[in-house]
N, C-alpha and C. Protein backbone atom coordinates (compact mmCIF):
# COMPACT_ATOMS: atom_id res chain seq x y z
N MET A 1 -182.90 48.79 26.53
CA MET A 1 -184.23 49.28 26.78
C MET A 1 -185.08 48.15 27.34
N LYS A 2 -185.78 48.45 28.40
CA LYS A 2 -186.63 47.45 29.04
C LYS A 2 -187.95 47.34 28.27
N VAL A 3 -188.31 46.14 27.90
CA VAL A 3 -189.55 45.92 27.15
C VAL A 3 -190.65 45.52 28.12
N THR A 4 -191.73 46.25 28.07
CA THR A 4 -192.89 45.93 28.92
C THR A 4 -194.12 45.79 28.05
N ASN A 5 -195.19 45.38 28.66
CA ASN A 5 -196.44 45.24 27.92
C ASN A 5 -196.93 46.59 27.41
N VAL A 6 -196.68 47.65 28.14
CA VAL A 6 -197.11 48.98 27.73
C VAL A 6 -196.38 49.38 26.45
N THR A 7 -195.10 49.09 26.35
CA THR A 7 -194.32 49.43 25.17
C THR A 7 -194.85 48.70 23.94
N LYS A 8 -195.23 47.46 24.11
CA LYS A 8 -195.73 46.67 22.98
C LYS A 8 -197.05 47.21 22.46
N VAL A 9 -197.87 47.76 23.32
CA VAL A 9 -199.15 48.32 22.90
C VAL A 9 -198.95 49.73 22.36
N TYR A 10 -198.04 50.48 22.94
CA TYR A 10 -197.87 51.89 22.58
C TYR A 10 -197.27 52.08 21.20
N ARG A 11 -196.31 51.27 20.82
CA ARG A 11 -195.61 51.49 19.55
C ARG A 11 -196.49 51.32 18.32
N PRO A 12 -197.36 50.30 18.25
CA PRO A 12 -198.26 50.25 17.09
C PRO A 12 -199.19 51.46 17.03
N MET A 13 -199.59 52.00 18.14
CA MET A 13 -200.45 53.17 18.16
C MET A 13 -199.71 54.39 17.61
N ARG A 14 -198.40 54.44 17.78
CA ARG A 14 -197.61 55.52 17.22
C ARG A 14 -197.68 55.48 15.69
N LYS A 15 -197.65 54.28 15.11
CA LYS A 15 -197.76 54.14 13.66
C LYS A 15 -199.13 54.58 13.17
N VAL A 16 -200.17 54.26 13.91
CA VAL A 16 -201.52 54.69 13.54
C VAL A 16 -201.60 56.21 13.60
N GLY A 17 -200.99 56.81 14.59
CA GLY A 17 -200.96 58.27 14.69
C GLY A 17 -200.25 58.89 13.49
N ASN A 18 -199.16 58.30 13.05
CA ASN A 18 -198.45 58.79 11.87
C ASN A 18 -199.31 58.68 10.63
N LEU A 19 -200.06 57.59 10.50
CA LEU A 19 -200.98 57.45 9.37
C LEU A 19 -202.00 58.57 9.36
N ILE A 20 -202.59 58.84 10.51
CA ILE A 20 -203.62 59.88 10.59
C ILE A 20 -203.03 61.25 10.25
N LYS A 21 -201.83 61.54 10.75
CA LYS A 21 -201.18 62.82 10.44
C LYS A 21 -200.91 62.95 8.95
N ASP A 22 -200.45 61.87 8.32
CA ASP A 22 -200.15 61.90 6.88
C ASP A 22 -201.41 62.14 6.05
N ILE A 23 -202.52 61.57 6.48
CA ILE A 23 -203.75 61.70 5.72
C ILE A 23 -204.38 63.08 5.91
N PHE A 24 -204.44 63.58 7.15
CA PHE A 24 -205.14 64.83 7.41
C PHE A 24 -204.28 66.07 7.30
N ARG A 25 -202.96 65.93 7.30
CA ARG A 25 -202.05 67.07 7.14
C ARG A 25 -201.03 66.77 6.05
N PRO A 26 -201.47 66.65 4.80
CA PRO A 26 -200.54 66.24 3.73
C PRO A 26 -199.44 67.25 3.44
N LYS A 27 -199.67 68.54 3.68
CA LYS A 27 -198.65 69.54 3.38
C LYS A 27 -197.50 69.48 4.36
N GLN A 28 -197.76 69.05 5.59
CA GLN A 28 -196.71 68.97 6.61
C GLN A 28 -195.97 67.64 6.56
N SER A 29 -196.51 66.68 5.85
CA SER A 29 -195.93 65.34 5.82
C SER A 29 -195.01 65.14 4.62
N LYS A 30 -194.07 64.24 4.76
CA LYS A 30 -193.19 63.87 3.65
C LYS A 30 -193.69 62.59 2.97
N HIS A 31 -194.83 62.08 3.40
CA HIS A 31 -195.38 60.84 2.86
C HIS A 31 -196.74 61.13 2.23
N PHE A 32 -197.20 60.23 1.37
CA PHE A 32 -198.53 60.36 0.81
C PHE A 32 -199.14 58.97 0.65
N TRP A 33 -200.45 58.95 0.49
CA TRP A 33 -201.16 57.68 0.42
C TRP A 33 -201.91 57.59 -0.89
N VAL A 34 -201.93 56.41 -1.45
CA VAL A 34 -202.61 56.16 -2.72
C VAL A 34 -203.57 54.99 -2.50
N ARG A 35 -204.79 55.16 -3.01
CA ARG A 35 -205.77 54.07 -2.93
C ARG A 35 -205.84 53.41 -4.30
N ILE A 36 -205.59 52.11 -4.34
CA ILE A 36 -205.47 51.38 -5.59
C ILE A 36 -206.42 50.19 -5.58
N CYS A 37 -207.07 49.97 -6.70
CA CYS A 37 -207.95 48.81 -6.85
C CYS A 37 -207.10 47.53 -6.90
N GLU A 38 -207.49 46.51 -6.16
CA GLU A 38 -206.74 45.27 -6.12
C GLU A 38 -207.16 44.27 -7.18
N ILE A 39 -208.30 44.50 -7.81
CA ILE A 39 -208.84 43.52 -8.74
C ILE A 39 -208.80 44.08 -10.16
N ALA A 40 -208.32 43.27 -11.08
CA ALA A 40 -208.31 43.63 -12.50
C ALA A 40 -209.07 42.56 -13.27
N GLU A 41 -209.77 42.98 -14.31
CA GLU A 41 -210.58 42.03 -15.10
C GLU A 41 -209.71 41.11 -15.95
N SER A 42 -208.59 41.62 -16.44
CA SER A 42 -207.72 40.81 -17.30
C SER A 42 -206.26 41.22 -17.08
N LYS A 43 -205.36 40.51 -17.71
CA LYS A 43 -203.94 40.85 -17.59
C LYS A 43 -203.65 42.20 -18.25
N LYS A 44 -204.39 42.51 -19.31
CA LYS A 44 -204.23 43.80 -19.98
C LYS A 44 -204.61 44.94 -19.04
N ASP A 45 -205.73 44.78 -18.32
CA ASP A 45 -206.14 45.80 -17.35
C ASP A 45 -205.12 45.95 -16.23
N LYS A 46 -204.56 44.81 -15.82
CA LYS A 46 -203.54 44.83 -14.77
C LYS A 46 -202.32 45.63 -15.21
N LYS A 47 -201.86 45.40 -16.44
CA LYS A 47 -200.70 46.12 -16.96
C LYS A 47 -201.00 47.61 -17.09
N GLU A 48 -202.23 47.96 -17.48
CA GLU A 48 -202.61 49.37 -17.59
C GLU A 48 -202.63 50.04 -16.22
N GLN A 49 -203.14 49.32 -15.22
CA GLN A 49 -203.14 49.87 -13.85
C GLN A 49 -201.72 50.11 -13.36
N ILE A 50 -200.85 49.15 -13.58
CA ILE A 50 -199.46 49.29 -13.14
C ILE A 50 -198.80 50.47 -13.85
N LYS A 51 -199.08 50.63 -15.14
CA LYS A 51 -198.52 51.74 -15.90
C LYS A 51 -199.00 53.08 -15.34
N LYS A 52 -200.29 53.19 -15.01
CA LYS A 52 -200.83 54.42 -14.46
C LYS A 52 -200.23 54.73 -13.09
N ILE A 53 -200.04 53.68 -12.29
CA ILE A 53 -199.44 53.87 -10.96
C ILE A 53 -198.01 54.37 -11.09
N LYS A 54 -197.23 53.77 -12.00
CA LYS A 54 -195.85 54.21 -12.22
C LYS A 54 -195.79 55.66 -12.68
N GLU A 55 -196.68 56.04 -13.60
CA GLU A 55 -196.72 57.43 -14.07
C GLU A 55 -197.05 58.38 -12.92
N PHE A 56 -198.02 57.99 -12.10
CA PHE A 56 -198.40 58.82 -10.97
C PHE A 56 -197.22 59.02 -10.02
N LEU A 57 -196.52 57.94 -9.70
CA LEU A 57 -195.38 58.03 -8.79
C LEU A 57 -194.25 58.86 -9.39
N GLU A 58 -194.00 58.71 -10.67
CA GLU A 58 -192.96 59.51 -11.33
C GLU A 58 -193.28 61.00 -11.23
N ASN A 59 -194.54 61.34 -11.38
CA ASN A 59 -194.93 62.75 -11.31
C ASN A 59 -194.98 63.27 -9.87
N ARG A 60 -195.28 62.41 -8.92
CA ARG A 60 -195.50 62.85 -7.55
C ARG A 60 -194.21 62.96 -6.73
N ILE A 61 -193.29 62.04 -6.92
CA ILE A 61 -192.07 62.02 -6.10
C ILE A 61 -191.06 63.01 -6.64
N ARG A 62 -190.58 63.88 -5.75
CA ARG A 62 -189.60 64.89 -6.11
C ARG A 62 -188.22 64.46 -5.61
N VAL A 63 -187.20 64.78 -6.38
CA VAL A 63 -185.82 64.45 -6.00
C VAL A 63 -185.08 65.76 -5.78
N TYR A 64 -184.47 65.88 -4.60
CA TYR A 64 -183.64 67.04 -4.31
C TYR A 64 -182.20 66.65 -4.52
N GLU A 65 -181.55 67.24 -5.49
CA GLU A 65 -180.16 66.88 -5.81
C GLU A 65 -179.20 67.90 -5.22
N ASN A 66 -179.00 67.82 -3.92
CA ASN A 66 -178.08 68.74 -3.25
C ASN A 66 -176.70 68.13 -3.10
N ASN A 67 -176.59 66.83 -3.23
CA ASN A 67 -175.30 66.17 -3.01
C ASN A 67 -174.51 66.07 -4.26
């Protein structure tokens, strides 16, 4: 594949388009987005945040066992 300047600019824009589709059309997408606070007051708060995130992901991600 020939690499040109147009290709280098176009491909990152494709990723931005995928982000927008995932956010505005969540039912059609296989991906989802989570907004998480980056700052914790203490190590205890940090562990609680991580625990909540893990619980959320466990509940949100579905496994199809066809194999």
